[in-house]
Structures are given as structure tokens and as C-alpha cells.
Amino acid sequence: MHYRKLGRTDLDVSALCLGTMTWGEQNTQDEAFAQIGMAKAAGINFIDTAEMYPVPPRPQTYAATERIIGNWFRAQGDRDDWILASKVAGPGNGITHIRDGQLRHNRQHIVAALDASLERLQTDRIDLYQLHWPERSTNFFGKLGYQHRADESFTPLEETLEVLDEQVRAGKIRHVGLSNETPWGTLKFLHLAETRGWPRAVSIQNPYNLLNRTFEVGLAEVAIRERCGLLAYSPLAFGMLSGKYENGARPEKARLTLFDRFTRYAKPETLAACSRYVQLAREHGLDPAQMALAFVTAQPFVTSNIIGATDLKQLQTNLASADLVLGDELLAAIDAIHQQQPNPAP
């Protein structure tokens, strides 16, 4: 396993990060424990969760993922072996069961969310605390174009960052991160941190995969020059790039089989591009999932690639991608597909 600095901190995080959003919904606690054990044995020291998990979010399963991780820490006593990341939810997205659905990135909600997460995770600090998505309306979760709302009211970013600064000073969190953020939002947070002496965002967790490379357009340069690297989520595009959904297949217990809400990668042009990448991998004798993951991990703006799985076989395949290096010929072929069908699933 390779390790990289988390932003400008002294923390070395594994190039693959263990994603957890199926735990408590598609995975039991025992299954989650088995995944944690396998990931740790492979050298992963970075685990990412959120108060909202598991996904899809439901009142009945709210925060089950954090509880499972906390139970692991209590049972194994290995909290210090992990760099732990979690997130505070933002408003909208149909969520009404978290703090009565009136979510804001203000003092009331950040403090309440953080304290509850710490209790569930059975720890005294979170190493990376992220804003799960912006409070303001902007282009995230599959929205490509920005549509301005002049009458919109949202918590000033100054207030949000000041509250996070208080939590850092209190020792509850070590570092701050962003998620589903835009170039404007990222640079605004970084500017406020530098001019006010508040904590500087060390990472940005956005989607990035062969079907969605929009991060490269405006945020890649920011990530590199500002050392606010990408924590890439959905590197397999909801599992599409593994090839398991080819020709309309719907494997039992798979995410797209169980939940009809995940439609971001269902457009005909997306399916066509996906098939081309899957076929390319097979032509080169590679596992499609490993090729897709290796492409993401190798990008210079990526700090860590968040992998997830619902069974140990999938996880083992994903972990093996850490040692895969894609050759120039294959990279050129990937780029050719991208040029012909760029970002079919933003």
C-alpha cells in the first residue's frame, strides 16, 4: 500500500480509503467487521463515513454506519491505528429525519452533529471532519450546470469556518475537509482560512471516475496547487465500471438492483461509454474494476481513492488495484474513449 500526505498536514493516509456507506443497510455489522479487518491487513489506515450513512438514508437506519465503526473501535481497541473521517449533513436531498430536516452549517447543527458522531464512533476526536455538501444551492450530486438563485439565504461561510475552528481548538476534530464542493466554494474556504487564521481545508471529497471526470475541469488545479487533494468517491460509478451490470444484468443484492433511486449512471450514453471501458479492460487482460480504480488512484490531484464493497471478494479485488500500473498504450485508449464520450455521467 502506498501512502500520501493529507493536505498540508503531517498525516500519511493510504492511497485507498475504506468506504462504509453500505454498512447497516446492505451489510451487517459482522460483514463490516470482516471488511475492516481485510482492509487493515492490506495496509489501509483511512476510513470514511458520515452521520447520514448508510445510503439510501432512512430514519430506521440513520447513523448505523458510525455505530458499527464505534463498535469495532471498542472491540479491537485500535482507534489510534486509523485516520477517521466523517461528515455533517447539509440541507435538502429529501432528508427530514436528521435534526427535523432543518439542516444548516451553523453552530447549532455542526456542534450537535459532531458531538453525536463522536458518541456513536466511541472516540474523542475525528481526524477529518467534512461538510458533506454545500448548504447553498449549487451543482452537485449529478448537476452539471450552475443555476444562480439571487434570493437564496444560507449560512455565511465565515460562520461555518469559525465554528469548525472552535471544534479544532476544543480537540474534537483535527482537520477540516469539503465534499461535493465547487471551485468557488473551495477557494472561498481556503481564502477565509488564510486571512482569518481558521483551519484550512485539507481535502475535497467529490465524485471522480472514468464516466465522470468533471473534477479535472475546474478543481484539479486547485487540488494540486493548494494541496487540497481529492478524496475520490464513486470511483466505480456505483459499480457500473466493474462490468457486473453489463447487458442489463441486475445481480442479486447489488445496489442498482435493490434501489431504484440511483439513476445517475443509467442514461444510454453512459451505458455505452461504460461498456467501452469494460471491454477495453478485458482486451488488455485486466479486471474492469481494477483498471477503473487504478486510473483514479494514479491521478496527481488524488490524495486517496475511496473504495467500497458489499462482500469480501469485491473488496479483495478492489484492494489489489493498489499495485496496478496502467501502461501508456492503455491510458491513450482510455483517453480516446473519453474524448469521444466525455463525462456522460456528471
Protein backbone atom coordinates (compact mmCIF):
# COMPACT_ATOMS: atom_id res chain seq x y z
CA MET A 1 0.00 0.00 0.00
CA HIS A 2 1.21 3.49 -0.83
CA TYR A 3 0.69 6.49 1.45
CA ARG A 4 0.23 10.18 0.75
CA LYS A 5 0.14 13.34 2.83
CA LEU A 6 -3.32 14.60 3.71
CA GLY A 7 -3.14 18.19 2.52
CA ARG A 8 -0.50 20.17 4.36
CA THR A 9 -0.82 18.03 7.49
CA ASP A 10 1.66 15.53 8.89
CA LEU A 11 -0.82 12.68 8.39
CA ASP A 12 0.03 9.91 5.91
CA VAL A 13 -3.13 8.32 4.52
CA SER A 14 -3.33 5.18 2.43
CA ALA A 15 -3.87 5.70 -1.30
CA LEU A 16 -7.03 3.62 -0.91
CA CYS A 17 -9.59 4.65 1.69
CA LEU A 18 -12.22 2.28 3.07
CA GLY A 19 -15.73 3.49 2.23
CA THR A 20 -18.54 2.49 4.54
CA MET A 21 -21.89 3.71 3.26
CA THR A 22 -23.40 0.21 2.84
CA TRP A 23 -22.83 -0.78 6.46
CA GLY A 24 -26.11 -1.01 8.32
CA GLU A 25 -28.16 -1.38 5.12
CA GLN A 26 -26.60 -3.81 2.63
CA ASN A 27 -24.07 -5.08 5.15
CA THR A 28 -24.43 -6.35 8.70
CA GLN A 29 -22.04 -5.41 11.48
CA ASP A 30 -20.28 -8.76 11.20
CA GLU A 31 -19.78 -8.24 7.48
CA ALA A 32 -18.49 -4.72 8.10
CA PHE A 33 -16.06 -6.02 10.71
CA ALA A 34 -14.73 -8.55 8.20
CA GLN A 35 -14.21 -5.76 5.66
CA ILE A 36 -12.37 -3.59 8.18
CA GLY A 37 -10.10 -6.48 9.11
CA MET A 38 -9.27 -7.27 5.48
CA ALA A 39 -8.62 -3.61 4.65
CA LYS A 40 -6.36 -3.15 7.65
CA ALA A 41 -4.37 -6.26 6.76
CA ALA A 42 -3.84 -4.78 3.28
CA GLY A 43 -2.39 -1.59 4.75
CA ILE A 44 -5.39 0.73 4.69
CA ASN A 45 -5.33 3.21 7.56
CA PHE A 46 -8.01 5.62 6.31
CA ILE A 47 -11.75 5.09 6.83
CA ASP A 48 -14.52 7.41 5.68
CA THR A 49 -18.08 7.65 6.97
CA ALA A 50 -20.84 10.21 7.57
CA GLU A 51 -23.64 10.89 10.00
CA MET A 52 -26.09 10.32 7.11
CA TYR A 53 -24.88 6.77 6.35
CA PRO A 54 -25.95 4.15 5.41
CA VAL A 55 -27.27 5.01 1.97
CA PRO A 56 -30.02 5.33 0.93
CA PRO A 57 -30.76 7.45 4.02
CA ARG A 58 -33.74 6.27 6.05
CA PRO A 59 -34.94 7.10 9.58
CA GLN A 60 -34.76 3.42 10.52
CA THR A 61 -31.05 3.11 9.72
CA TYR A 62 -29.84 6.66 10.46
CA ALA A 63 -26.25 6.72 11.76
CA ALA A 64 -25.98 2.91 11.86
CA THR A 65 -22.66 3.08 9.99
CA GLU A 66 -20.98 5.25 12.60
CA ARG A 67 -22.27 2.96 15.35
CA ILE A 68 -20.75 -0.06 13.62
CA ILE A 69 -17.36 1.66 13.36
CA GLY A 70 -17.57 2.70 17.00
CA ASN A 71 -18.31 -0.89 18.00
CA TRP A 72 -15.21 -2.00 16.04
CA PHE A 73 -13.03 0.51 17.89
CA ARG A 74 -14.43 -0.65 21.24
CA ALA A 75 -13.96 -4.33 20.40
CA GLN A 76 -10.49 -4.04 18.85
CA GLY A 77 -9.02 -1.11 20.77
CA ASP A 78 -7.25 0.09 17.64
CA ARG A 79 -8.67 3.59 17.24
CA ASP A 80 -5.16 5.07 17.08
CA ASP A 81 -4.33 2.90 14.06
CA TRP A 82 -6.89 4.72 11.93
CA ILE A 83 -7.30 8.12 10.33
CA LEU A 84 -11.02 8.60 10.76
CA ALA A 85 -13.13 10.84 8.52
CA SER A 86 -16.79 11.70 8.91
CA LYS A 87 -19.22 14.35 7.64
CA VAL A 88 -22.00 16.65 8.76
CA ALA A 89 -25.10 16.58 6.54
CA GLY A 90 -26.39 19.58 4.66
CA PRO A 91 -29.96 20.64 3.83
CA GLY A 92 -32.25 19.23 1.18
CA ASN A 93 -32.00 15.94 -0.69
CA GLY A 94 -35.25 14.81 0.87
CA ILE A 95 -33.74 14.39 4.34
CA THR A 96 -36.29 15.18 7.05
CA HIS A 97 -35.22 12.74 9.78
CA ILE A 98 -31.93 14.41 10.77
CA ARG A 99 -32.46 17.27 13.23
CA ASP A 100 -36.01 17.74 11.91
CA GLY A 101 -34.70 18.32 8.40
CA GLN A 102 -33.80 21.96 9.12
CA LEU A 103 -30.14 21.39 8.43
CA ARG A 104 -27.65 24.24 8.34
CA HIS A 105 -23.88 24.57 8.57
CA ASN A 106 -24.14 26.83 11.60
CA ARG A 107 -23.04 26.49 15.21
CA GLN A 108 -26.19 24.73 16.38
CA HIS A 109 -26.10 21.98 13.77
CA ILE A 110 -22.34 21.46 13.49
CA VAL A 111 -21.88 21.11 17.24
CA ALA A 112 -24.90 18.82 17.59
CA ALA A 113 -23.82 16.65 14.66
CA LEU A 114 -20.21 16.43 15.77
CA ASP A 115 -20.99 15.54 19.37
CA ALA A 116 -23.42 12.84 18.26
CA SER A 117 -20.89 11.40 15.82
CA LEU A 118 -18.19 11.29 18.48
CA GLU A 119 -20.52 9.39 20.80
CA ARG A 120 -21.51 6.87 18.12
CA LEU A 121 -17.93 6.41 16.97
CA GLN A 122 -16.80 5.93 20.57
CA THR A 123 -13.86 8.27 20.15
CA ASP A 124 -12.75 11.65 21.47
CA ARG A 125 -11.82 13.12 18.08
CA ILE A 126 -12.42 12.85 14.35
CA ASP A 127 -9.30 13.29 12.25
CA LEU A 128 -11.06 14.76 9.21
CA TYR A 129 -14.47 16.41 9.57
CA GLN A 130 -16.12 17.29 6.28
CA LEU A 131 -19.11 19.35 5.14
CA HIS A 132 -20.99 16.63 3.26
CA TRP A 133 -22.43 19.02 0.67
CA PRO A 134 -22.85 22.80 0.44
CA GLU A 135 -25.72 24.46 2.21
CA ARG A 136 -26.20 26.76 -0.76
CA SER A 137 -27.80 25.54 -3.97
CA THR A 138 -25.12 24.69 -6.49
CA ASN A 139 -24.17 21.99 -8.97
CA PHE A 140 -23.50 18.81 -7.03
CA PHE A 141 -24.91 15.25 -6.95
CA GLY A 142 -25.05 14.94 -10.73
CA LYS A 143 -25.96 18.54 -11.57
CA LEU A 144 -23.54 19.84 -14.19
CA GLY A 145 -24.70 23.41 -14.84
CA TYR A 146 -24.89 26.07 -12.12
CA GLN A 147 -28.17 27.98 -11.82
CA HIS A 148 -27.98 31.03 -9.61
CA ARG A 149 -30.67 31.85 -7.03
CA ALA A 150 -30.36 35.52 -6.11
CA ASP A 151 -32.89 35.28 -3.28
CA GLU A 152 -31.28 32.30 -1.57
CA SER A 153 -30.25 32.54 2.07
CA PHE A 154 -27.54 30.31 3.52
CA THR A 155 -25.18 30.33 6.49
CA PRO A 156 -22.20 32.60 5.72
CA LEU A 157 -19.08 30.54 5.07
CA GLU A 158 -17.33 32.71 7.67
CA GLU A 159 -19.70 31.46 10.36
CA THR A 160 -19.27 27.85 9.29
CA LEU A 161 -15.49 28.00 9.34
CA GLU A 162 -15.40 29.88 12.64
CA VAL A 163 -17.45 27.11 14.27
CA LEU A 164 -15.16 24.46 12.84
CA ASP A 165 -12.20 26.42 14.20
CA GLU A 166 -13.76 26.25 17.66
CA GLN A 167 -14.09 22.49 17.36
CA VAL A 168 -10.46 22.14 16.29
CA ARG A 169 -9.37 24.24 19.27
CA ALA A 170 -11.51 22.08 21.53
CA GLY A 171 -9.71 18.98 20.22
CA LYS A 172 -12.85 17.36 18.84
CA ILE A 173 -11.58 17.42 15.27
CA ARG A 174 -8.07 17.62 13.87
CA HIS A 175 -8.63 18.81 10.32
CA VAL A 176 -11.40 20.16 8.10
CA GLY A 177 -12.46 18.92 4.67
CA LEU A 178 -15.01 19.74 2.00
CA SER A 179 -17.24 17.48 -0.05
CA ASN A 180 -19.33 17.90 -3.21
CA GLU A 181 -17.87 21.39 -3.40
CA THR A 182 -17.24 23.72 -6.35
CA PRO A 183 -14.12 25.69 -7.32
CA TRP A 184 -15.68 28.89 -5.96
CA GLY A 185 -16.59 27.29 -2.64
CA THR A 186 -13.22 25.61 -2.25
CA LEU A 187 -11.24 28.77 -2.96
CA LYS A 188 -13.52 30.85 -0.73
CA PHE A 189 -12.97 28.50 2.21
CA LEU A 190 -9.21 28.49 1.60
CA HIS A 191 -9.09 32.29 1.40
CA LEU A 192 -11.04 32.68 4.63
CA ALA A 193 -8.74 30.22 6.38
CA GLU A 194 -5.62 32.07 5.28
CA THR A 195 -6.92 35.57 6.08
CA ARG A 196 -8.68 34.76 9.37
CA GLY A 197 -6.34 32.13 10.79
CA TRP A 198 -9.05 29.46 10.72
CA PRO A 199 -8.46 25.80 9.80
CA ARG A 200 -7.55 25.21 6.19
CA ALA A 201 -9.43 22.59 4.19
CA VAL A 202 -7.05 19.68 3.60
CA SER A 203 -9.19 17.73 1.14
CA ILE A 204 -12.25 17.76 -1.05
CA GLN A 205 -14.39 14.63 -1.46
CA ASN A 206 -16.08 14.70 -4.85
CA PRO A 207 -17.12 12.06 -7.41
CA TYR A 208 -14.45 11.04 -9.89
CA ASN A 209 -14.38 8.07 -12.25
CA LEU A 210 -13.98 7.18 -15.92
CA LEU A 211 -17.57 8.25 -16.60
CA ASN A 212 -17.31 11.50 -14.65
CA ARG A 213 -14.04 13.41 -14.93
CA THR A 214 -15.57 16.86 -14.38
CA PHE A 215 -13.24 17.36 -11.40
CA GLU A 216 -10.46 17.87 -13.93
CA VAL A 217 -12.12 20.97 -15.40
CA GLY A 218 -12.00 23.41 -12.50
CA LEU A 219 -10.87 21.66 -9.36
CA ALA A 220 -7.83 19.60 -10.35
CA GLU A 221 -5.55 22.65 -10.48
CA VAL A 222 -6.93 23.89 -7.16
CA ALA A 223 -6.32 20.49 -5.58
CA ILE A 224 -2.69 20.37 -6.71
CA ARG A 225 -1.63 23.99 -6.23
CA GLU A 226 -3.42 24.42 -2.89
CA ARG A 227 -2.62 20.90 -1.64
CA CYS A 228 -6.29 20.27 -1.04
CA GLY A 229 -6.36 16.86 -2.67
CA LEU A 230 -9.29 14.86 -3.94
CA LEU A 231 -10.80 12.03 -1.93
CA ALA A 232 -12.45 10.37 -4.91
CA TYR A 233 -15.83 8.80 -4.27
CA SER A 234 -17.82 6.56 -6.65
CA PRO A 235 -14.61 5.51 -8.45
CA LEU A 236 -16.55 2.58 -9.93
CA ALA A 237 -19.65 4.65 -10.75
CA PHE A 238 -21.97 2.73 -8.42
CA GLY A 239 -20.28 -0.49 -9.56
CA MET A 240 -21.06 0.11 -13.24
CA LEU A 241 -17.39 0.08 -14.22
CA SER A 242 -16.89 -3.36 -12.70
CA GLY A 243 -18.88 -4.80 -15.60
CA LYS A 244 -21.40 -6.55 -13.38
CA TYR A 245 -24.33 -4.62 -14.86
CA GLU A 246 -23.37 -5.22 -18.50
CA ASN A 247 -26.16 -6.15 -20.93
CA GLY A 248 -28.81 -5.15 -18.43
CA ALA A 249 -27.73 -7.62 -15.75
CA ARG A 250 -29.01 -6.98 -12.23
CA PRO A 251 -27.08 -9.16 -9.77
CA GLU A 252 -28.86 -10.17 -6.60
CA LYS A 253 -28.27 -7.78 -3.67
CA ALA A 254 -26.41 -5.28 -5.88
CA ARG A 255 -27.08 -1.58 -5.24
CA LEU A 256 -28.77 -0.84 -8.55
CA THR A 257 -30.86 -3.99 -8.19
CA LEU A 258 -32.09 -3.03 -4.72
CA PHE A 259 -32.59 0.71 -5.04
CA ASP A 260 -34.19 2.50 -7.97
CA ARG A 261 -33.11 5.93 -6.71
CA PHE A 262 -29.59 5.54 -8.15
CA THR A 263 -30.09 6.72 -11.73
CA ARG A 264 -27.05 8.92 -12.32
CA TYR A 265 -25.38 6.29 -14.50
CA ALA A 266 -28.50 4.99 -16.25
CA LYS A 267 -28.53 7.16 -19.39
CA PRO A 268 -27.98 5.37 -22.72
CA GLU A 269 -24.83 7.35 -23.49
CA THR A 270 -23.44 6.50 -20.07
CA LEU A 271 -24.12 2.80 -20.52
CA ALA A 272 -22.47 2.88 -23.93
CA ALA A 273 -19.33 4.55 -22.63
CA CYS A 274 -19.21 2.20 -19.67
CA SER A 275 -19.33 -0.82 -21.96
CA ARG A 276 -16.40 0.54 -23.94
CA TYR A 277 -14.27 0.87 -20.81
CA VAL A 278 -15.23 -2.60 -19.59
CA GLN A 279 -14.39 -4.10 -22.98
CA LEU A 280 -11.09 -2.21 -23.10
CA ALA A 281 -10.04 -3.67 -19.78
CA ARG A 282 -10.88 -7.19 -20.89
CA GLU A 283 -9.00 -6.72 -24.16
CA HIS A 284 -5.91 -5.94 -22.09
CA GLY A 285 -6.44 -8.90 -19.78
CA LEU A 286 -7.42 -6.73 -16.84
CA ASP A 287 -10.26 -6.85 -14.35
CA PRO A 288 -12.51 -3.88 -15.32
CA ALA A 289 -12.91 -2.74 -11.72
CA GLN A 290 -9.17 -2.79 -11.11
CA MET A 291 -8.47 -0.80 -14.28
CA ALA A 292 -11.05 1.83 -13.33
CA LEU A 293 -9.71 2.10 -9.79
CA ALA A 294 -6.07 2.22 -10.86
CA PHE A 295 -6.86 5.09 -13.23
CA VAL A 296 -8.35 7.14 -10.39
CA THR A 297 -5.64 6.37 -7.84
CA ALA A 298 -2.86 7.41 -10.26
CA GLN A 299 -4.15 10.93 -10.83
CA PRO A 300 -1.80 13.60 -9.39
CA PHE A 301 -4.65 15.51 -7.76
CA VAL A 302 -5.98 12.45 -5.88
CA THR A 303 -4.98 12.01 -2.25
CA SER A 304 -6.98 8.84 -1.67
CA ASN A 305 -9.42 6.69 -3.64
CA ILE A 306 -12.48 5.65 -1.61
CA ILE A 307 -13.34 2.03 -2.32
CA GLY A 308 -16.42 0.24 -1.09
CA ALA A 309 -17.76 -3.29 -1.36
CA THR A 310 -20.63 -5.41 -0.17
CA ASP A 311 -18.66 -8.66 0.08
CA LEU A 312 -15.09 -9.70 0.72
CA LYS A 313 -14.48 -10.92 -2.82
CA GLN A 314 -15.28 -7.47 -4.19
CA LEU A 315 -13.12 -5.84 -1.55
CA GLN A 316 -10.20 -8.13 -2.30
CA THR A 317 -10.44 -7.25 -5.98
CA ASN A 318 -10.55 -3.55 -5.21
CA LEU A 319 -7.62 -3.74 -2.80
CA ALA A 320 -5.49 -5.44 -5.45
CA SER A 321 -5.85 -2.38 -7.68
CA ALA A 322 -3.37 -0.56 -5.46
CA ASP A 323 -0.49 -2.36 -7.17
CA LEU A 324 -1.75 -1.99 -10.74
CA VAL A 325 0.07 0.47 -13.01
CA LEU A 326 -1.62 1.26 -16.32
CA GLY A 327 0.66 1.44 -19.37
CA ASP A 328 0.86 4.30 -21.82
CA GLU A 329 -0.96 2.40 -24.57
CA LEU A 330 -3.90 1.65 -22.29
CA LEU A 331 -4.02 5.21 -20.96
CA ALA A 332 -4.11 6.50 -24.53
CA ALA A 333 -7.02 4.18 -25.29
CA ILE A 334 -8.86 5.39 -22.19
CA ASP A 335 -8.31 8.98 -23.25
CA ALA A 336 -9.60 8.22 -26.74
CA ILE A 337 -12.89 6.95 -25.32
CA HIS A 338 -13.08 9.99 -23.07
CA GLN A 339 -12.57 12.36 -25.98
CA GLN A 340 -15.35 10.69 -27.93
CA GLN A 341 -17.76 10.41 -24.99
CA PRO A 342 -16.64 12.96 -22.38
CA ASN A 343 -18.28 12.87 -18.96
CA PRO A 344 -21.51 11.08 -19.90
CA ALA A 345 -22.49 10.97 -16.21
CA PRO A 346 -21.64 14.26 -14.44
